[in-house]
Amino acid sequence: MTDDQCEIAAQAARWVVEEGLEYGSAKRRAAKELGLGGRGSLPPNALVEDAVMDYIAVFYADTQPGELVALRRLALVWMERLHEFRPYLGGAVWHGTATKNSDIFLQLFCDDCKSAEIGLIDQRVSYEVRSVTGFNGDSVDALSVHALCAELNQDIGVHLMIYDFDDVRGALKVDAKGRAPRGDAKAVRSLLSHVSA
C-alpha cells in the first residue's frame, strides 16, 4: 500500500463511521479532498475496513458494540419478516464494523424477482426501488425502506438487494480475508447469542 492510499483510507474511514457513507463514495470524497489522484490511487476496501476498525477502536469503543447489536437485532427482524425470500445479511452490520450511522444490507434470493416487492406490498411496507451494482458485478434492484430501530431511537435504512435464487451459490464464497461475506438468519442469531444481555 502506498502512503497516499493509507491517507485516503484513514480519511474515508472517518466518513464511513461518522456519516454512514459507503466505502466507494467515502474513498472518492477523501481522494478529492486530499488532492490525491484518481481511481488508480484509491485504496482497496480491505484497507478501508481496517481503518474503520481502528477509528472505531479509538473514538467509539464504548458505544459501537451496543449499536452493532441493535442493528443486528433489527436486521434479524427483517430477515424473519422476509424469510420466504431467503435473506442474507451482508455489509458492515454482518462484518461487525457498523455504527448507528450504518444502513442494513440484506440480499434476497428469490425464485421470482418481483415476489419480494409483492411481499412488501402485502405487508403494507413503503419502499423505493433503485438499481445498484450487485456482488456479482451485475445490476440488481434494491428495495429501500426506513425502519425504526427502537434501541437506537432512530430510523435506519434497510436495503433489500434482489437476486435470482441460483445466485446464492456465488454469494457464499469466502472473501479475501477468508470470512463468509454474508450470513443467514441462523448465523445472525448465533452472533447475537454471544452477546451478554
N, C-alpha and C. Protein backbone atom coordinates (compact mmCIF):
# COMPACT_ATOMS: atom_id res chain seq x y z
N MET A 1 0.84 -1.19 0.00
CA MET A 1 0.00 0.00 0.00
C MET A 1 0.88 1.25 0.00
N THR A 2 0.45 2.24 -0.75
CA THR A 2 1.20 3.50 -0.78
C THR A 2 0.77 4.38 0.40
N ASP A 3 1.59 5.38 0.69
CA ASP A 3 1.24 6.34 1.74
C ASP A 3 -0.06 7.05 1.39
N ASP A 4 -0.23 7.38 0.09
CA ASP A 4 -1.46 8.07 -0.34
C ASP A 4 -2.68 7.20 -0.07
N GLN A 5 -2.58 5.91 -0.37
CA GLN A 5 -3.71 5.01 -0.13
C GLN A 5 -4.04 4.93 1.36
N CYS A 6 -3.02 4.87 2.18
CA CYS A 6 -3.25 4.82 3.64
C CYS A 6 -3.91 6.10 4.13
N GLU A 7 -3.48 7.24 3.57
CA GLU A 7 -4.08 8.52 3.97
C GLU A 7 -5.54 8.61 3.52
N ILE A 8 -5.81 8.16 2.30
CA ILE A 8 -7.19 8.16 1.80
C ILE A 8 -8.04 7.22 2.65
N ALA A 9 -7.52 6.05 2.97
CA ALA A 9 -8.28 5.08 3.77
C ALA A 9 -8.62 5.65 5.13
N ALA A 10 -7.66 6.32 5.77
CA ALA A 10 -7.89 6.89 7.10
C ALA A 10 -8.97 7.97 7.05
N GLN A 11 -8.91 8.83 6.04
CA GLN A 11 -9.92 9.88 5.91
C GLN A 11 -11.28 9.28 5.56
N ALA A 12 -11.29 8.31 4.65
CA ALA A 12 -12.55 7.66 4.26
C ALA A 12 -13.19 6.98 5.46
N ALA A 13 -12.37 6.35 6.31
CA ALA A 13 -12.89 5.65 7.48
C ALA A 13 -13.68 6.59 8.38
N ARG A 14 -13.19 7.79 8.53
CA ARG A 14 -13.88 8.77 9.37
C ARG A 14 -15.30 9.02 8.85
N TRP A 15 -15.43 9.17 7.54
CA TRP A 15 -16.76 9.43 6.95
C TRP A 15 -17.65 8.20 6.97
N VAL A 16 -17.05 7.03 6.83
CA VAL A 16 -17.84 5.80 6.93
C VAL A 16 -18.47 5.71 8.32
N VAL A 17 -17.68 5.98 9.34
CA VAL A 17 -18.17 5.88 10.71
C VAL A 17 -19.07 7.05 11.09
N GLU A 18 -18.63 8.26 10.79
CA GLU A 18 -19.35 9.46 11.24
C GLU A 18 -20.62 9.74 10.44
N GLU A 19 -20.59 9.43 9.13
CA GLU A 19 -21.71 9.81 8.26
C GLU A 19 -22.41 8.62 7.62
N GLY A 20 -21.89 7.42 7.83
CA GLY A 20 -22.51 6.24 7.24
C GLY A 20 -22.31 6.11 5.75
N LEU A 21 -21.27 6.76 5.19
CA LEU A 21 -21.02 6.64 3.76
C LEU A 21 -20.58 5.22 3.41
N GLU A 22 -20.89 4.82 2.20
CA GLU A 22 -20.39 3.54 1.70
C GLU A 22 -18.93 3.73 1.30
N TYR A 23 -18.19 2.64 1.26
CA TYR A 23 -16.75 2.72 1.04
C TYR A 23 -16.38 3.45 -0.25
N GLY A 24 -17.06 3.13 -1.35
CA GLY A 24 -16.72 3.74 -2.64
C GLY A 24 -16.82 5.24 -2.61
N SER A 25 -17.95 5.76 -2.14
CA SER A 25 -18.13 7.22 -2.13
C SER A 25 -17.20 7.87 -1.10
N ALA A 26 -16.94 7.20 0.02
CA ALA A 26 -16.02 7.75 1.02
C ALA A 26 -14.60 7.84 0.47
N LYS A 27 -14.17 6.83 -0.28
CA LYS A 27 -12.82 6.85 -0.86
C LYS A 27 -12.69 7.97 -1.89
N ARG A 28 -13.69 8.10 -2.74
CA ARG A 28 -13.62 9.15 -3.78
C ARG A 28 -13.62 10.53 -3.14
N ARG A 29 -14.46 10.72 -2.12
CA ARG A 29 -14.52 12.03 -1.44
C ARG A 29 -13.19 12.33 -0.74
N ALA A 30 -12.61 11.33 -0.09
CA ALA A 30 -11.34 11.53 0.60
C ALA A 30 -10.23 11.88 -0.39
N ALA A 31 -10.17 11.15 -1.51
CA ALA A 31 -9.13 11.41 -2.50
C ALA A 31 -9.26 12.83 -3.05
N LYS A 32 -10.49 13.25 -3.31
CA LYS A 32 -10.72 14.59 -3.84
C LYS A 32 -10.32 15.65 -2.81
N GLU A 33 -10.75 15.47 -1.57
CA GLU A 33 -10.45 16.46 -0.54
C GLU A 33 -8.96 16.55 -0.25
N LEU A 34 -8.28 15.41 -0.31
CA LEU A 34 -6.85 15.39 -0.04
C LEU A 34 -6.02 15.72 -1.28
N GLY A 35 -6.68 15.84 -2.45
CA GLY A 35 -5.97 16.14 -3.69
C GLY A 35 -5.03 15.02 -4.12
N LEU A 36 -5.47 13.79 -3.89
CA LEU A 36 -4.61 12.63 -4.17
C LEU A 36 -5.14 11.77 -5.30
N GLY A 37 -4.88 12.19 -6.52
CA GLY A 37 -5.09 11.36 -7.69
C GLY A 37 -6.50 10.86 -7.93
N GLY A 38 -6.57 9.96 -8.89
CA GLY A 38 -7.86 9.43 -9.32
C GLY A 38 -8.08 8.01 -8.88
N ARG A 39 -8.88 7.31 -9.65
CA ARG A 39 -9.30 5.95 -9.31
C ARG A 39 -8.15 5.00 -9.02
N GLY A 40 -7.08 5.10 -9.80
CA GLY A 40 -5.95 4.17 -9.66
C GLY A 40 -5.29 4.23 -8.30
N SER A 41 -5.41 5.36 -7.63
CA SER A 41 -4.73 5.51 -6.34
C SER A 41 -5.64 5.21 -5.15
N LEU A 42 -6.89 4.82 -5.43
CA LEU A 42 -7.80 4.54 -4.33
C LEU A 42 -7.41 3.24 -3.62
N PRO A 43 -7.52 3.23 -2.30
CA PRO A 43 -7.15 2.02 -1.56
C PRO A 43 -8.19 0.92 -1.73
N PRO A 44 -7.79 -0.33 -1.57
CA PRO A 44 -8.78 -1.42 -1.62
C PRO A 44 -9.70 -1.34 -0.41
N ASN A 45 -10.89 -1.93 -0.55
CA ASN A 45 -11.86 -1.91 0.56
C ASN A 45 -11.31 -2.54 1.83
N ALA A 46 -10.46 -3.55 1.70
CA ALA A 46 -9.90 -4.20 2.88
C ALA A 46 -9.10 -3.21 3.72
N LEU A 47 -8.37 -2.30 3.07
CA LEU A 47 -7.60 -1.29 3.80
C LEU A 47 -8.53 -0.29 4.49
N VAL A 48 -9.60 0.08 3.80
CA VAL A 48 -10.57 0.99 4.41
C VAL A 48 -11.24 0.31 5.61
N GLU A 49 -11.59 -0.96 5.47
CA GLU A 49 -12.21 -1.67 6.58
C GLU A 49 -11.28 -1.71 7.80
N ASP A 50 -10.00 -1.94 7.57
CA ASP A 50 -9.04 -1.93 8.68
C ASP A 50 -8.99 -0.55 9.33
N ALA A 51 -9.03 0.50 8.51
CA ALA A 51 -9.01 1.87 9.04
C ALA A 51 -10.29 2.17 9.81
N VAL A 52 -11.41 1.64 9.34
CA VAL A 52 -12.69 1.82 10.06
C VAL A 52 -12.60 1.17 11.43
N MET A 53 -12.06 -0.05 11.50
CA MET A 53 -11.94 -0.74 12.78
C MET A 53 -11.02 0.04 13.73
N ASP A 54 -9.93 0.60 13.19
CA ASP A 54 -9.03 1.42 14.00
C ASP A 54 -9.75 2.67 14.52
N TYR A 55 -10.51 3.32 13.64
CA TYR A 55 -11.22 4.55 14.02
C TYR A 55 -12.24 4.26 15.13
N ILE A 56 -12.98 3.16 14.96
CA ILE A 56 -13.96 2.77 15.98
C ILE A 56 -13.26 2.48 17.31
N ALA A 57 -12.13 1.78 17.25
CA ALA A 57 -11.41 1.43 18.48
C ALA A 57 -10.96 2.67 19.23
N VAL A 58 -10.59 3.72 18.51
CA VAL A 58 -10.10 4.94 19.15
C VAL A 58 -11.24 5.83 19.64
N PHE A 59 -12.28 6.01 18.81
CA PHE A 59 -13.30 7.03 19.11
C PHE A 59 -14.65 6.48 19.57
N TYR A 60 -14.94 5.20 19.30
CA TYR A 60 -16.28 4.68 19.58
C TYR A 60 -16.27 3.34 20.30
N ALA A 61 -15.19 3.01 20.97
CA ALA A 61 -15.08 1.70 21.62
C ALA A 61 -16.16 1.49 22.66
N ASP A 62 -16.64 2.57 23.27
CA ASP A 62 -17.65 2.42 24.34
C ASP A 62 -19.07 2.30 23.81
N THR A 63 -19.36 2.87 22.64
CA THR A 63 -20.74 2.88 22.13
C THR A 63 -20.99 1.93 20.96
N GLN A 64 -19.98 1.67 20.14
CA GLN A 64 -20.19 0.89 18.92
C GLN A 64 -20.68 -0.53 19.17
N PRO A 65 -20.19 -1.25 20.18
CA PRO A 65 -20.69 -2.62 20.35
C PRO A 65 -22.20 -2.68 20.58
N GLY A 66 -22.74 -1.78 21.37
CA GLY A 66 -24.19 -1.75 21.60
C GLY A 66 -24.96 -1.37 20.36
N GLU A 67 -24.43 -0.41 19.59
CA GLU A 67 -25.08 -0.01 18.35
C GLU A 67 -25.10 -1.17 17.36
N LEU A 68 -24.01 -1.91 17.28
CA LEU A 68 -23.93 -3.07 16.38
C LEU A 68 -24.97 -4.12 16.76
N VAL A 69 -25.11 -4.40 18.04
CA VAL A 69 -26.11 -5.38 18.49
C VAL A 69 -27.51 -4.92 18.11
N ALA A 70 -27.81 -3.64 18.31
CA ALA A 70 -29.13 -3.12 17.97
C ALA A 70 -29.40 -3.27 16.47
N LEU A 71 -28.41 -2.99 15.65
CA LEU A 71 -28.58 -3.12 14.20
C LEU A 71 -28.74 -4.58 13.79
N ARG A 72 -28.00 -5.48 14.42
CA ARG A 72 -28.14 -6.89 14.10
C ARG A 72 -29.52 -7.41 14.51
N ARG A 73 -30.03 -6.93 15.63
CA ARG A 73 -31.37 -7.34 16.05
C ARG A 73 -32.42 -6.84 15.06
N LEU A 74 -32.27 -5.60 14.61
CA LEU A 74 -33.21 -5.06 13.62
C LEU A 74 -33.10 -5.84 12.31
N ALA A 75 -31.88 -6.15 11.91
CA ALA A 75 -31.69 -6.93 10.68
C ALA A 75 -32.40 -8.28 10.80
N LEU A 76 -32.29 -8.91 11.96
CA LEU A 76 -32.92 -10.21 12.16
C LEU A 76 -34.44 -10.11 12.09
N VAL A 77 -34.99 -9.02 12.61
CA VAL A 77 -36.45 -8.80 12.50
C VAL A 77 -36.86 -8.81 11.02
N TRP A 78 -36.11 -8.08 10.20
CA TRP A 78 -36.44 -8.01 8.78
C TRP A 78 -36.18 -9.35 8.08
N MET A 79 -35.16 -10.05 8.49
CA MET A 79 -34.89 -11.36 7.90
C MET A 79 -36.02 -12.33 8.21
N GLU A 80 -36.54 -12.25 9.42
CA GLU A 80 -37.67 -13.11 9.77
C GLU A 80 -38.94 -12.71 9.03
N ARG A 81 -39.15 -11.40 8.85
CA ARG A 81 -40.32 -10.94 8.08
C ARG A 81 -40.26 -11.41 6.64
N LEU A 82 -39.05 -11.51 6.11
CA LEU A 82 -38.85 -11.82 4.69
C LEU A 82 -38.25 -13.22 4.49
N HIS A 83 -38.47 -14.11 5.45
CA HIS A 83 -37.82 -15.42 5.42
C HIS A 83 -38.08 -16.20 4.14
N GLU A 84 -39.25 -16.02 3.53
CA GLU A 84 -39.57 -16.80 2.33
C GLU A 84 -38.68 -16.42 1.15
N PHE A 85 -37.96 -15.29 1.24
CA PHE A 85 -37.10 -14.84 0.14
C PHE A 85 -35.62 -15.14 0.41
N ARG A 86 -35.36 -16.02 1.36
CA ARG A 86 -34.00 -16.50 1.68
C ARG A 86 -33.03 -15.34 1.92
N PRO A 87 -33.26 -14.54 2.95
CA PRO A 87 -32.41 -13.36 3.19
C PRO A 87 -31.05 -13.70 3.79
N TYR A 88 -30.05 -12.94 3.37
CA TYR A 88 -28.71 -13.00 3.93
C TYR A 88 -28.29 -11.58 4.30
N LEU A 89 -27.65 -11.43 5.44
CA LEU A 89 -27.14 -10.14 5.89
C LEU A 89 -25.70 -9.98 5.42
N GLY A 90 -25.39 -8.80 4.87
CA GLY A 90 -24.02 -8.51 4.45
C GLY A 90 -23.58 -7.15 4.98
N GLY A 91 -22.48 -6.65 4.47
CA GLY A 91 -22.02 -5.32 4.81
C GLY A 91 -21.50 -5.17 6.23
N ALA A 92 -21.46 -3.92 6.69
CA ALA A 92 -20.86 -3.58 7.98
C ALA A 92 -21.59 -4.22 9.16
N VAL A 93 -22.92 -4.39 9.04
CA VAL A 93 -23.67 -4.99 10.14
C VAL A 93 -23.27 -6.46 10.30
N TRP A 94 -23.04 -7.14 9.19
CA TRP A 94 -22.58 -8.52 9.25
C TRP A 94 -21.13 -8.61 9.73
N HIS A 95 -20.26 -7.76 9.17
CA HIS A 95 -18.82 -7.85 9.46
C HIS A 95 -18.43 -7.25 10.82
N GLY A 96 -19.35 -6.51 11.44
CA GLY A 96 -19.07 -6.02 12.79
C GLY A 96 -18.51 -4.62 12.87
N THR A 97 -18.51 -3.87 11.76
CA THR A 97 -17.97 -2.52 11.77
C THR A 97 -19.06 -1.45 11.74
N ALA A 98 -20.31 -1.84 11.91
CA ALA A 98 -21.42 -0.89 11.81
C ALA A 98 -21.53 -0.03 13.07
N THR A 99 -22.02 1.19 12.86
CA THR A 99 -22.38 2.09 13.94
C THR A 99 -23.82 2.54 13.70
N LYS A 100 -24.34 3.39 14.57
CA LYS A 100 -25.71 3.87 14.42
C LYS A 100 -25.93 4.61 13.10
N ASN A 101 -24.85 5.01 12.43
CA ASN A 101 -24.98 5.71 11.15
C ASN A 101 -24.98 4.76 9.95
N SER A 102 -24.87 3.47 10.20
CA SER A 102 -24.80 2.48 9.12
C SER A 102 -26.18 2.01 8.71
N ASP A 103 -26.32 1.68 7.44
CA ASP A 103 -27.53 1.05 6.93
C ASP A 103 -27.38 -0.46 7.00
N ILE A 104 -28.51 -1.13 6.88
CA ILE A 104 -28.56 -2.59 6.87
C ILE A 104 -28.73 -3.05 5.43
N PHE A 105 -27.90 -4.01 5.01
CA PHE A 105 -27.97 -4.53 3.65
C PHE A 105 -28.31 -6.01 3.69
N LEU A 106 -29.47 -6.35 3.14
CA LEU A 106 -29.91 -7.73 3.05
C LEU A 106 -29.97 -8.14 1.58
N GLN A 107 -29.48 -9.33 1.29
CA GLN A 107 -29.63 -9.88 -0.06
C GLN A 107 -30.73 -10.94 -0.01
N LEU A 108 -31.67 -10.81 -0.91
CA LEU A 108 -32.78 -11.76 -1.00
C LEU A 108 -32.58 -12.60 -2.27
N PHE A 109 -32.77 -13.90 -2.13
CA PHE A 109 -32.59 -14.82 -3.26
C PHE A 109 -33.94 -15.44 -3.59
N CYS A 110 -34.54 -14.93 -4.67
CA CYS A 110 -35.94 -15.21 -4.98
C CYS A 110 -36.09 -16.07 -6.22
N ASP A 111 -37.13 -16.92 -6.19
CA ASP A 111 -37.49 -17.67 -7.40
C ASP A 111 -38.03 -16.72 -8.46
N ASP A 112 -38.75 -15.71 -8.02
CA ASP A 112 -39.33 -14.70 -8.90
C ASP A 112 -38.93 -13.34 -8.33
N CYS A 113 -38.18 -12.57 -9.11
CA CYS A 113 -37.62 -11.31 -8.60
C CYS A 113 -38.68 -10.30 -8.18
N LYS A 114 -39.88 -10.38 -8.70
CA LYS A 114 -40.94 -9.44 -8.31
C LYS A 114 -41.64 -9.87 -7.02
N SER A 115 -41.40 -11.10 -6.58
CA SER A 115 -42.11 -11.60 -5.41
C SER A 115 -41.77 -10.82 -4.13
N ALA A 116 -40.54 -10.33 -4.01
CA ALA A 116 -40.17 -9.56 -2.83
C ALA A 116 -40.95 -8.25 -2.78
N GLU A 117 -41.12 -7.60 -3.92
CA GLU A 117 -41.92 -6.36 -3.96
C GLU A 117 -43.36 -6.66 -3.55
N ILE A 118 -43.91 -7.73 -4.07
CA ILE A 118 -45.28 -8.12 -3.71
C ILE A 118 -45.36 -8.40 -2.22
N GLY A 119 -44.32 -9.06 -1.67
CA GLY A 119 -44.29 -9.34 -0.24
C GLY A 119 -44.31 -8.06 0.60
N LEU A 120 -43.57 -7.04 0.17
CA LEU A 120 -43.57 -5.76 0.90
C LEU A 120 -44.93 -5.07 0.79
N ILE A 121 -45.52 -5.12 -0.40
CA ILE A 121 -46.86 -4.52 -0.59
C ILE A 121 -47.87 -5.21 0.31
N ASP A 122 -47.82 -6.55 0.36
CA ASP A 122 -48.73 -7.31 1.22
C ASP A 122 -48.57 -6.94 2.69
N GLN A 123 -47.35 -6.58 3.09
CA GLN A 123 -47.10 -6.18 4.48
C GLN A 123 -47.29 -4.67 4.70
N ARG A 124 -47.77 -4.00 3.65
CA ARG A 124 -48.01 -2.56 3.69
C ARG A 124 -46.75 -1.76 4.05
N VAL A 125 -45.65 -2.17 3.46
CA VAL A 125 -44.36 -1.51 3.68
C VAL A 125 -44.08 -0.60 2.49
N SER A 126 -43.83 0.68 2.76
CA SER A 126 -43.45 1.62 1.70
C SER A 126 -41.98 1.42 1.37
N TYR A 127 -41.64 1.47 0.10
CA TYR A 127 -40.25 1.27 -0.31
C TYR A 127 -39.97 2.06 -1.58
N GLU A 128 -38.69 2.27 -1.81
CA GLU A 128 -38.22 2.90 -3.05
C GLU A 128 -37.38 1.88 -3.80
N VAL A 129 -37.48 1.90 -5.13
CA VAL A 129 -36.71 0.98 -5.96
C VAL A 129 -35.60 1.75 -6.66
N ARG A 130 -34.41 1.18 -6.63
CA ARG A 130 -33.31 1.74 -7.41
C ARG A 130 -32.47 0.59 -7.93
N SER A 131 -31.60 0.90 -8.84
CA SER A 131 -30.72 -0.11 -9.41
C SER A 131 -29.31 0.10 -8.84
N VAL A 132 -28.69 -0.98 -8.36
CA VAL A 132 -27.34 -0.91 -7.80
C VAL A 132 -26.49 -2.02 -8.41
N THR A 133 -25.18 -1.91 -8.23
CA THR A 133 -24.29 -2.98 -8.67
C THR A 133 -24.24 -4.05 -7.59
N GLY A 134 -24.56 -5.27 -7.97
CA GLY A 134 -24.59 -6.37 -7.01
C GLY A 134 -23.23 -6.98 -6.79
N PHE A 135 -23.16 -7.97 -5.91
CA PHE A 135 -21.88 -8.59 -5.56
C PHE A 135 -21.26 -9.32 -6.74
N ASN A 136 -22.07 -9.66 -7.75
CA ASN A 136 -21.54 -10.36 -8.92
C ASN A 136 -21.19 -9.40 -10.06
N GLY A 137 -21.30 -8.09 -9.80
CA GLY A 137 -20.95 -7.08 -10.80
C GLY A 137 -22.09 -6.69 -11.71
N ASP A 138 -23.20 -7.41 -11.65
CA ASP A 138 -24.37 -7.09 -12.47
C ASP A 138 -25.26 -6.09 -11.75
N SER A 139 -26.12 -5.44 -12.52
CA SER A 139 -27.08 -4.50 -11.94
C SER A 139 -28.24 -5.30 -11.33
N VAL A 140 -28.61 -4.95 -10.10
CA VAL A 140 -29.73 -5.60 -9.43
C VAL A 140 -30.64 -4.53 -8.84
N ASP A 141 -31.90 -4.89 -8.64
CA ASP A 141 -32.84 -3.98 -7.99
C ASP A 141 -32.58 -3.97 -6.49
N ALA A 142 -32.69 -2.79 -5.90
CA ALA A 142 -32.61 -2.65 -4.44
C ALA A 142 -33.89 -1.97 -3.98
N LEU A 143 -34.56 -2.59 -3.02
CA LEU A 143 -35.76 -2.03 -2.43
C LEU A 143 -35.35 -1.43 -1.09
N SER A 144 -35.50 -0.13 -0.95
CA SER A 144 -35.04 0.56 0.25
C SER A 144 -36.22 1.00 1.10
N VAL A 145 -36.13 0.69 2.40
CA VAL A 145 -37.17 1.06 3.35
C VAL A 145 -36.51 1.77 4.54
N HIS A 146 -37.32 2.50 5.29
CA HIS A 146 -36.86 3.10 6.55
C HIS A 146 -37.54 2.34 7.67
N ALA A 147 -36.73 1.88 8.61
CA ALA A 147 -37.26 1.10 9.73
C ALA A 147 -36.83 1.74 11.04
N LEU A 148 -37.77 1.88 11.96
CA LEU A 148 -37.44 2.43 13.26
C LEU A 148 -36.66 1.40 14.07
N CYS A 149 -35.52 1.81 14.57
CA CYS A 149 -34.74 0.98 15.48
C CYS A 149 -35.00 1.56 16.88
N ALA A 150 -35.87 0.90 17.62
CA ALA A 150 -36.27 1.42 18.93
C ALA A 150 -35.08 1.52 19.88
N GLU A 151 -34.16 0.57 19.80
CA GLU A 151 -33.00 0.59 20.70
C GLU A 151 -32.12 1.81 20.47
N LEU A 152 -32.05 2.27 19.23
CA LEU A 152 -31.24 3.46 18.91
C LEU A 152 -32.09 4.72 18.82
N ASN A 153 -33.42 4.55 18.88
CA ASN A 153 -34.36 5.67 18.79
C ASN A 153 -34.15 6.49 17.51
N GLN A 154 -34.02 5.79 16.39
CA GLN A 154 -33.85 6.47 15.10
C GLN A 154 -34.23 5.53 13.96
N ASP A 155 -34.50 6.14 12.81
CA ASP A 155 -34.77 5.36 11.60
C ASP A 155 -33.46 4.86 11.01
N ILE A 156 -33.50 3.65 10.49
CA ILE A 156 -32.35 3.04 9.85
C ILE A 156 -32.76 2.64 8.43
N GLY A 157 -31.88 2.88 7.47
CA GLY A 157 -32.13 2.42 6.12
C GLY A 157 -31.91 0.93 6.02
N VAL A 158 -32.90 0.23 5.47
CA VAL A 158 -32.77 -1.20 5.22
C VAL A 158 -32.89 -1.39 3.71
N HIS A 159 -31.85 -1.94 3.10
CA HIS A 159 -31.79 -2.08 1.65
C HIS A 159 -31.84 -3.57 1.30
N LEU A 160 -32.79 -3.92 0.47
CA LEU A 160 -33.01 -5.31 0.08
C LEU A 160 -32.57 -5.48 -1.37
N MET A 161 -31.44 -6.14 -1.58
CA MET A 161 -30.96 -6.39 -2.92
C MET A 161 -31.56 -7.69 -3.43
N ILE A 162 -32.14 -7.64 -4.62
CA ILE A 162 -32.90 -8.77 -5.16
C ILE A 162 -32.06 -9.56 -6.15
N TYR A 163 -31.86 -10.84 -5.85
CA TYR A 163 -31.10 -11.74 -6.71
C TYR A 163 -31.95 -12.93 -7.10
N ASP A 164 -31.53 -13.58 -8.20
CA ASP A 164 -32.14 -14.86 -8.56
C ASP A 164 -31.71 -15.91 -7.55
N PHE A 165 -32.56 -16.90 -7.35
CA PHE A 165 -32.25 -17.95 -6.39
C PHE A 165 -30.91 -18.62 -6.69
N ASP A 166 -30.60 -18.82 -7.97
CA ASP A 166 -29.36 -19.51 -8.35
C ASP A 166 -28.10 -18.74 -7.96
N ASP A 167 -28.23 -17.43 -7.72
CA ASP A 167 -27.07 -16.62 -7.36
C ASP A 167 -26.54 -16.93 -5.97
N VAL A 168 -27.30 -17.64 -5.16
CA VAL A 168 -26.90 -17.88 -3.77
C VAL A 168 -25.59 -18.66 -3.70
N ARG A 169 -25.31 -19.51 -4.68
CA ARG A 169 -24.06 -20.29 -4.65
C ARG A 169 -22.85 -19.36 -4.66
N GLY A 170 -22.84 -18.40 -5.56
CA GLY A 170 -21.73 -17.45 -5.65
C GLY A 170 -21.66 -16.50 -4.46
N ALA A 171 -22.78 -16.33 -3.78
CA ALA A 171 -22.84 -15.39 -2.66
C ALA A 171 -22.13 -15.89 -1.43
N LEU A 172 -21.84 -17.18 -1.36
CA LEU A 172 -21.29 -17.75 -0.14
C LEU A 172 -19.80 -18.04 -0.21
N LYS A 173 -19.15 -17.64 -1.30
CA LYS A 173 -17.70 -17.82 -1.40
C LYS A 173 -17.02 -16.90 -0.40
N VAL A 174 -15.97 -17.41 0.25
CA VAL A 174 -15.27 -16.60 1.25
C VAL A 174 -14.57 -15.41 0.60
N ASP A 175 -14.40 -14.33 1.38
CA ASP A 175 -13.75 -13.13 0.86
C ASP A 175 -12.24 -13.23 1.00
N ALA A 176 -11.54 -12.14 0.68
CA ALA A 176 -10.08 -12.13 0.69
C ALA A 176 -9.50 -12.40 2.08
N LYS A 177 -10.29 -12.14 3.12
CA LYS A 177 -9.83 -12.38 4.49
C LYS A 177 -10.25 -13.76 5.00
N GLY A 178 -10.85 -14.57 4.11
CA GLY A 178 -11.26 -15.91 4.50
C GLY A 178 -12.56 -15.96 5.29
N ARG A 179 -13.33 -14.87 5.25
CA ARG A 179 -14.58 -14.79 6.01
C ARG A 179 -15.77 -15.05 5.10
N ALA A 180 -16.86 -15.51 5.69
CA ALA A 180 -18.12 -15.58 4.95
C ALA A 180 -18.57 -14.14 4.68
N PRO A 181 -18.86 -13.80 3.43
CA PRO A 181 -19.21 -12.42 3.10
C PRO A 181 -20.62 -12.01 3.56
N ARG A 182 -21.42 -12.99 3.96
CA ARG A 182 -22.80 -12.72 4.40
C ARG A 182 -23.28 -13.92 5.20
N GLY A 183 -24.35 -13.72 5.95
CA GLY A 183 -24.86 -14.82 6.75
C GLY A 183 -26.38 -14.85 6.77
N ASP A 184 -26.93 -16.05 6.93
CA ASP A 184 -28.38 -16.20 7.00
C ASP A 184 -28.87 -15.92 8.43
N ALA A 185 -30.17 -16.06 8.64
CA ALA A 185 -30.76 -15.73 9.94
C ALA A 185 -30.15 -16.58 11.06
N LYS A 186 -29.88 -17.84 10.78
CA LYS A 186 -29.27 -18.70 11.80
C LYS A 186 -27.91 -18.15 12.22
N ALA A 187 -27.12 -17.70 11.26
CA ALA A 187 -25.79 -17.15 11.55
C ALA A 187 -25.91 -15.85 12.35
N VAL A 188 -26.90 -15.03 12.03
CA VAL A 188 -27.09 -13.77 12.77
C VAL A 188 -27.52 -14.07 14.20
N ARG A 189 -28.41 -15.03 14.37
CA ARG A 189 -28.83 -15.44 15.72
C ARG A 189 -27.63 -15.92 16.52
N SER A 190 -26.72 -16.63 15.86
CA SER A 190 -25.54 -17.13 16.53
C SER A 190 -24.66 -15.97 17.00
N LEU A 191 -24.49 -14.96 16.15
CA LEU A 191 -23.71 -13.77 16.55
C LEU A 191 -24.35 -13.10 17.78
N LEU A 192 -25.68 -13.00 17.75
CA LEU A 192 -26.38 -12.33 18.85
C LEU A 192 -26.36 -13.16 20.13
N SER A 193 -26.29 -14.47 19.99
CA SER A 193 -26.29 -15.33 21.19
C SER A 193 -25.01 -15.19 21.99
N HIS A 194 -23.96 -14.68 21.35
CA HIS A 194 -22.68 -14.50 22.04
C HIS A 194 -22.58 -13.16 22.76
N VAL A 195 -23.66 -12.38 22.70
CA VAL A 195 -23.68 -11.07 23.36
C VAL A 195 -24.30 -11.24 24.73
N SER A 196 -23.64 -10.72 25.74
CA SER A 196 -24.22 -10.81 27.08
C SER A 196 -25.39 -9.85 27.19
N ALA A 197 -26.46 -10.30 27.82
CA ALA A 197 -27.67 -9.50 27.92
C ALA A 197 -27.47 -8.32 28.85
